Amino acid sequence: MQYNLTYQRELPAKTIVTAGFVGSRGYKQIRNVEYNQSIPQIQADGSYFFPSATRRNPNFGSMRLRTSDGLSWYKGLIAGASRRFSAGLSLQASYTLGKSEDLGSQAVGSADFDNSFQPRYGFDPMDNFGLSDFDIRHNFVFNSTWELPFGNTLGGAARAIVGGWQVSSIVTIRSGIPFAPVLGSDRARAAPRSGGAGQTPDLVTGCSLNPVLGGADQYFDPNCFSLPALGTFGNVPRNTIIGPGFATWDMAFFKNLPLAGGRKIQLRVEGFNITDHVNFGLPASTVFNSAGRVSNAGQITNIIGTARQFQFGVKVEF
């Protein structure tokens, strides 16, 4: 179910502004869960205690189940503006403040997204409630197109070479996607498919659920988390830590050369991430394994996007 309310108005000087609210609700969404888990005892506070890791049907091992009992929520505030100038320059900017939540973003397998983990207990859908694995809180995009005036006063071959070029530019800035600190072993004895499968630690008193330090060596503070009691789930919810943001600036120069019969040749020079900005990937999120605390928890060893790149091309339209 999708709904939106948008207001758009044209202002003087060929300027258009837009503001609105968009939202959606998803029902009967696909969830990918482990079906043959162990059976917990329900404590007085509603939490689970697993006496042993014996599966519900010990004659079988792991069983993957895709069940259609998922729910999702999205709401977003959008704002934008565009303007065209008489000198062949046009500008456009848009911003979205959004929030996406669900009971699990996996539908196909256990690695739909880099930050995806199987729900720690598939029989309680709301136990996996949290920010969607693809949630982006802030997203800003600015783009421009300019017909370069150089060469318009020239003639002959000089104008054919220098004149008629256009330049386009796109700047993208957005906040990071969320992830959860996880356990690398079945501390709860819930008998998941493998490892800890979405099990989280306990939060240390006085710490934030989003203890970001920044930097690649230790993006978040792993000392803010402790091992839960054996047979229980940790109290840290799903996807509480916000990962590194993303920023890039791409540009393109192109020129159309008309040919006979409505055909044309387009010359292109494109640059990606022209500032060579480094965009970090997600850090190592496992804070404890069967041997204890993990030494590289919070360390980032990969980047997303590309380093600065240029490419040259010729396109023929006929």
Protein backbone atom coordinates (compact mmCIF):
# COMPACT_ATOMS: atom_id res chain seq x y z
CA MET A 1 0.00 0.00 0.00
CA GLN A 2 1.49 3.33 -1.08
CA TYR A 3 0.36 6.86 -0.35
CA ASN A 4 1.75 10.34 -0.91
CA LEU A 5 0.87 14.00 -0.71
CA THR A 6 2.95 16.35 -2.87
CA TYR A 7 2.80 20.10 -3.41
CA GLN A 8 4.58 21.71 -6.36
CA ARG A 9 4.70 25.36 -7.32
CA GLU A 10 6.33 27.35 -10.08
CA LEU A 11 8.08 30.51 -8.92
CA PRO A 12 9.47 33.42 -10.95
CA ALA A 13 12.68 32.98 -12.93
CA LYS A 14 11.77 29.49 -14.16
CA THR A 15 12.10 28.00 -10.69
CA ILE A 16 10.00 25.05 -9.50
CA VAL A 17 9.87 23.88 -5.87
CA THR A 18 8.41 20.63 -4.58
CA ALA A 19 7.61 19.37 -1.08
CA GLY A 20 5.78 16.27 -0.02
CA PHE A 21 5.32 13.21 2.14
CA VAL A 22 5.48 9.64 0.86
CA GLY A 23 4.78 6.43 2.71
CA SER A 24 4.07 2.76 2.26
CA ARG A 25 2.95 -0.29 4.22
CA GLY A 26 3.78 -3.84 3.27
CA TYR A 27 1.72 -6.84 4.35
CA LYS A 28 2.34 -10.57 3.91
CA GLN A 29 5.96 -9.91 2.96
CA ILE A 30 8.32 -12.84 2.40
CA ARG A 31 10.59 -13.69 5.34
CA ASN A 32 13.46 -16.18 5.06
CA VAL A 33 13.76 -18.02 8.40
CA GLU A 34 15.09 -21.19 10.03
CA TYR A 35 12.15 -23.51 10.71
CA ASN A 36 13.70 -26.36 12.71
CA GLN A 37 14.97 -24.43 15.72
CA SER A 38 15.00 -25.49 19.34
CA ILE A 39 11.99 -24.84 21.58
CA PRO A 40 12.38 -22.03 24.17
CA GLN A 41 10.81 -21.48 27.56
CA ILE A 42 9.03 -18.14 27.91
CA GLN A 43 10.20 -16.26 31.00
CA ALA A 44 8.09 -14.01 33.24
CA ASP A 45 9.31 -10.90 31.40
CA GLY A 46 8.39 -12.41 28.02
CA SER A 47 11.98 -13.21 27.03
CA TYR A 48 13.12 -16.60 25.76
CA PHE A 49 15.33 -19.19 27.47
CA PHE A 50 16.57 -22.16 25.44
CA PRO A 51 17.45 -25.10 27.75
CA SER A 52 19.33 -26.90 24.97
CA ALA A 53 20.18 -26.68 21.27
CA THR A 54 18.04 -29.74 20.43
CA ARG A 55 16.01 -29.02 17.32
CA ARG A 56 12.21 -29.30 17.28
CA ASN A 57 12.54 -32.34 15.08
CA PRO A 58 15.93 -33.87 15.92
CA ASN A 59 15.60 -36.26 12.97
CA PHE A 60 16.36 -33.38 10.64
CA GLY A 61 18.95 -30.62 10.50
CA SER A 62 18.47 -27.08 9.29
CA MET A 63 15.26 -26.31 7.38
CA ARG A 64 14.89 -23.09 5.42
CA LEU A 65 11.36 -21.69 5.33
CA ARG A 66 10.03 -18.78 3.33
CA THR A 67 6.95 -17.54 5.11
CA SER A 68 4.66 -14.67 4.09
CA ASP A 69 3.97 -13.10 7.47
CA GLY A 70 6.33 -10.12 7.19
CA LEU A 71 5.43 -6.47 7.60
CA SER A 72 7.17 -3.30 6.44
CA TRP A 73 6.83 0.45 7.02
CA TYR A 74 8.24 3.44 5.17
CA LYS A 75 7.74 7.17 5.56
CA GLY A 76 9.68 9.97 3.96
CA LEU A 77 9.73 13.73 3.66
CA ILE A 78 10.84 14.98 0.24
CA ALA A 79 11.92 18.43 -0.90
CA GLY A 80 13.28 19.60 -4.21
CA ALA A 81 13.94 22.60 -6.42
CA SER A 82 14.92 23.12 -10.05
CA ARG A 83 15.77 26.18 -12.13
CA ARG A 84 16.57 26.86 -15.76
CA PHE A 85 18.75 29.83 -16.72
CA SER A 86 18.77 31.61 -20.07
CA ALA A 87 22.46 30.83 -20.64
CA GLY A 88 21.85 27.11 -21.14
CA LEU A 89 22.33 26.24 -17.46
CA SER A 90 19.85 24.12 -15.48
CA LEU A 91 20.12 23.08 -11.84
CA GLN A 92 18.15 20.58 -9.79
CA ALA A 93 18.41 19.49 -6.15
CA SER A 94 16.41 16.96 -4.15
CA TYR A 95 16.50 15.77 -0.55
CA THR A 96 14.74 12.90 1.19
CA LEU A 97 14.46 12.31 4.93
CA GLY A 98 13.19 8.76 5.16
CA LYS A 99 12.87 5.78 7.45
CA SER A 100 12.26 2.16 6.45
CA GLU A 101 11.47 -0.59 8.96
CA ASP A 102 10.51 -4.23 8.58
CA LEU A 103 10.52 -7.65 10.20
CA GLY A 104 13.34 -8.86 7.97
CA SER A 105 14.75 -7.72 4.64
CA GLN A 106 15.80 -11.17 3.46
CA ALA A 107 13.55 -12.87 0.94
CA VAL A 108 15.77 -15.04 -1.26
CA GLY A 109 18.73 -16.16 0.83
CA SER A 110 20.95 -15.33 3.76
CA ALA A 111 22.97 -12.70 1.89
CA ASP A 112 20.40 -10.50 0.16
CA PHE A 113 22.37 -7.54 1.54
CA ASP A 114 25.87 -7.27 3.00
CA ASN A 115 24.37 -6.46 6.42
CA SER A 116 21.69 -9.17 6.35
CA PHE A 117 21.38 -11.90 8.95
CA GLN A 118 18.76 -14.55 9.36
CA PRO A 119 16.21 -13.77 12.13
CA ARG A 120 17.47 -15.23 15.37
CA TYR A 121 14.07 -16.83 16.14
CA GLY A 122 11.81 -17.33 13.13
CA PHE A 123 8.66 -18.19 15.11
CA ASP A 124 8.41 -14.66 16.58
CA PRO A 125 8.30 -12.18 13.66
CA MET A 126 8.29 -9.07 15.86
CA ASP A 127 11.51 -10.20 17.55
CA ASN A 128 13.31 -9.18 14.34
CA PHE A 129 11.68 -5.75 14.04
CA GLY A 130 14.12 -2.97 13.19
CA LEU A 131 15.45 -0.69 10.51
CA SER A 132 15.45 -2.27 7.06
CA ASP A 133 18.83 -3.50 5.86
CA PHE A 134 18.58 -0.93 3.03
CA ASP A 135 17.36 2.00 5.15
CA ILE A 136 18.96 5.37 4.28
CA ARG A 137 17.94 8.23 6.56
CA HIS A 138 19.29 11.18 4.56
CA ASN A 139 19.70 11.31 0.78
CA PHE A 140 20.72 14.42 -1.17
CA VAL A 141 21.24 14.65 -4.94
CA PHE A 142 22.28 17.72 -6.93
CA ASN A 143 22.59 17.68 -10.70
CA SER A 144 23.30 20.30 -13.32
CA THR A 145 23.60 20.65 -17.09
CA TRP A 146 25.39 23.51 -18.85
CA GLU A 147 25.77 24.22 -22.55
CA LEU A 148 29.27 25.66 -22.66
CA PRO A 149 29.40 29.04 -24.45
CA PHE A 150 33.00 28.61 -25.63
CA GLY A 151 33.48 28.62 -29.36
CA ASN A 152 30.18 30.28 -30.28
CA THR A 153 32.01 33.33 -31.68
CA LEU A 154 34.35 31.21 -33.75
CA GLY A 155 33.79 29.96 -37.24
CA GLY A 156 34.63 27.04 -39.49
CA ALA A 157 36.62 24.13 -38.15
CA ALA A 158 37.46 25.94 -34.89
CA ARG A 159 33.79 26.24 -33.97
CA ALA A 160 33.11 22.65 -34.97
CA ILE A 161 35.83 21.46 -32.57
CA VAL A 162 35.46 23.88 -29.63
CA GLY A 163 31.77 24.79 -29.75
CA GLY A 164 28.68 22.79 -28.89
CA TRP A 165 29.98 21.00 -25.80
CA GLN A 166 27.77 20.31 -22.80
CA VAL A 167 28.77 19.39 -19.27
CA SER A 168 26.62 17.52 -16.77
CA SER A 169 27.31 16.91 -13.11
CA ILE A 170 25.75 14.77 -10.37
CA VAL A 171 26.63 15.08 -6.68
CA THR A 172 25.25 12.36 -4.37
CA ILE A 173 25.50 12.49 -0.58
CA ARG A 174 23.69 10.04 1.67
CA SER A 175 23.90 8.59 5.15
CA GLY A 176 24.97 5.02 5.76
CA ILE A 177 22.90 1.88 6.01
CA PRO A 178 22.33 0.27 9.43
CA PHE A 179 23.80 -2.94 10.78
CA ALA A 180 23.80 -4.91 14.01
CA PRO A 181 26.62 -6.12 16.25
CA VAL A 182 26.31 -9.90 16.18
CA LEU A 183 27.60 -13.08 17.77
CA GLY A 184 29.56 -15.65 15.81
CA SER A 185 28.26 -18.64 17.79
CA ASP A 186 24.94 -19.95 19.03
CA ARG A 187 25.08 -18.43 22.50
CA ALA A 188 21.31 -18.74 22.92
CA ARG A 189 21.23 -22.44 21.94
CA ALA A 190 18.45 -21.54 19.49
CA ALA A 191 19.81 -23.92 16.82
CA PRO A 192 19.93 -21.49 13.89
CA ARG A 193 21.12 -22.45 10.43
CA SER A 194 24.73 -21.49 11.16
CA GLY A 195 26.84 -19.50 13.62
CA GLY A 196 24.90 -17.00 15.68
CA ALA A 197 22.55 -16.15 12.77
CA GLY A 198 21.38 -12.75 13.89
CA GLN A 199 21.95 -13.16 17.62
CA THR A 200 23.08 -9.91 19.23
CA PRO A 201 24.98 -9.12 22.44
CA ASP A 202 23.83 -7.22 25.52
CA LEU A 203 24.34 -3.47 25.76
CA VAL A 204 26.76 -2.30 28.44
CA THR A 205 25.14 0.13 30.88
CA GLY A 206 25.80 3.75 29.96
CA CYS A 207 26.53 3.02 26.30
CA SER A 208 24.59 4.04 23.22
CA LEU A 209 22.99 1.56 20.84
CA ASN A 210 24.86 3.47 18.11
CA PRO A 211 28.38 3.81 19.60
CA VAL A 212 30.08 5.11 16.45
CA LEU A 213 33.70 6.21 16.83
CA GLY A 214 34.40 6.82 13.15
CA GLY A 215 37.49 5.89 11.16
CA ALA A 216 38.50 2.64 9.54
CA ASP A 217 40.48 1.07 12.40
CA GLN A 218 37.54 0.91 14.79
CA TYR A 219 34.33 2.35 13.41
CA PHE A 220 32.26 1.51 16.48
CA ASP A 221 33.15 0.76 20.10
CA PRO A 222 32.93 -3.03 20.65
CA ASN A 223 33.42 -2.52 24.41
CA CYS A 224 29.86 -1.23 24.56
CA PHE A 225 28.65 -4.82 24.17
CA SER A 226 28.85 -7.86 26.43
CA LEU A 227 27.96 -11.55 26.15
CA PRO A 228 24.36 -12.41 27.12
CA ALA A 229 23.66 -15.20 29.57
CA LEU A 230 23.90 -18.69 28.10
CA GLY A 231 20.59 -19.78 26.59
CA THR A 232 19.27 -16.23 26.11
CA PHE A 233 19.21 -13.57 23.41
CA GLY A 234 21.04 -10.28 23.85
CA ASN A 235 19.00 -7.12 24.39
CA VAL A 236 20.48 -5.16 21.46
CA PRO A 237 17.79 -4.81 18.75
CA ARG A 238 18.39 -5.32 15.06
CA ASN A 239 20.22 -2.70 12.98
CA THR A 240 20.93 -0.02 15.60
CA ILE A 241 24.39 1.07 14.36
CA ILE A 242 24.49 3.40 11.35
CA GLY A 243 27.27 2.64 8.90
CA PRO A 244 29.57 5.08 7.07
CA GLY A 245 27.98 7.59 4.72
CA PHE A 246 28.51 7.84 0.98
CA ALA A 247 29.48 10.81 -1.19
CA THR A 248 30.52 11.06 -4.82
CA TRP A 249 30.73 13.61 -7.63
CA ASP A 250 30.41 12.44 -11.24
CA MET A 251 30.78 14.60 -14.37
CA ALA A 252 30.41 14.15 -18.11
CA PHE A 253 31.39 16.26 -21.14
CA PHE A 254 29.67 15.46 -24.41
CA LYS A 255 29.18 16.90 -27.87
CA ASN A 256 26.69 15.94 -30.56
CA LEU A 257 27.84 16.08 -34.20
CA PRO A 258 24.93 15.96 -36.67
CA LEU A 259 25.24 13.80 -39.77
CA ALA A 260 23.12 13.43 -42.89
CA GLY A 261 19.82 11.59 -42.66
CA GLY A 262 19.13 12.53 -39.02
CA ARG A 263 22.10 10.57 -37.77
CA LYS A 264 24.60 11.92 -35.28
CA ILE A 265 27.78 11.10 -33.44
CA GLN A 266 28.19 11.86 -29.76
CA LEU A 267 31.64 12.32 -28.23
CA ARG A 268 31.76 11.67 -24.46
CA VAL A 269 34.26 12.17 -21.66
CA GLU A 270 33.00 10.87 -18.32
CA GLY A 271 34.53 11.09 -14.87
CA PHE A 272 33.37 9.13 -11.84
CA ASN A 273 34.17 10.14 -8.25
CA ILE A 274 36.28 12.97 -9.63
CA THR A 275 37.37 14.11 -6.15
CA ASP A 276 38.68 10.57 -5.44
CA HIS A 277 36.70 10.51 -2.20
CA VAL A 278 37.03 7.25 -0.23
CA ASN A 279 33.70 5.70 0.74
CA PHE A 280 34.08 3.07 3.44
CA GLY A 281 32.14 -0.18 3.45
CA LEU A 282 30.60 -1.75 6.52
CA PRO A 283 32.91 -2.79 9.38
CA ALA A 284 33.36 -6.27 10.80
CA SER A 285 30.22 -6.66 12.92
CA THR A 286 30.96 -9.86 14.87
CA VAL A 287 31.89 -8.82 18.42
CA PHE A 288 32.01 -12.26 20.08
CA ASN A 289 32.59 -15.80 18.84
CA SER A 290 32.97 -19.14 20.62
CA ALA A 291 36.49 -18.14 21.75
CA GLY A 292 35.42 -14.80 23.25
CA ARG A 293 35.74 -11.20 22.11
CA VAL A 294 36.76 -10.71 18.47
CA SER A 295 39.85 -8.51 18.05
CA ASN A 296 38.90 -6.95 14.70
CA ALA A 297 35.33 -6.00 15.63
CA GLY A 298 34.54 -2.60 14.12
CA GLN A 299 37.41 -2.66 11.62
CA ILE A 300 36.72 -1.60 8.02
CA THR A 301 38.67 -3.42 5.31
CA ASN A 302 36.73 -2.56 2.16
CA ILE A 303 35.35 0.40 0.25
CA ILE A 304 32.21 0.85 -1.83
CA GLY A 305 31.98 2.56 -5.18
CA THR A 306 35.11 3.21 -7.19
CA ALA A 307 38.23 5.32 -7.01
CA ARG A 308 38.46 8.20 -9.49
CA GLN A 309 37.89 6.92 -13.01
CA PHE A 310 37.66 8.48 -16.47
CA GLN A 311 36.32 6.93 -19.63
CA PHE A 312 36.11 8.14 -23.20
CA GLY A 313 33.49 7.05 -25.68
CA VAL A 314 31.89 7.62 -29.04
CA LYS A 315 28.21 6.88 -29.64
CA VAL A 316 26.60 6.71 -33.07
CA GLU A 317 22.84 7.24 -33.40
CA PHE A 318 21.12 6.26 -36.61
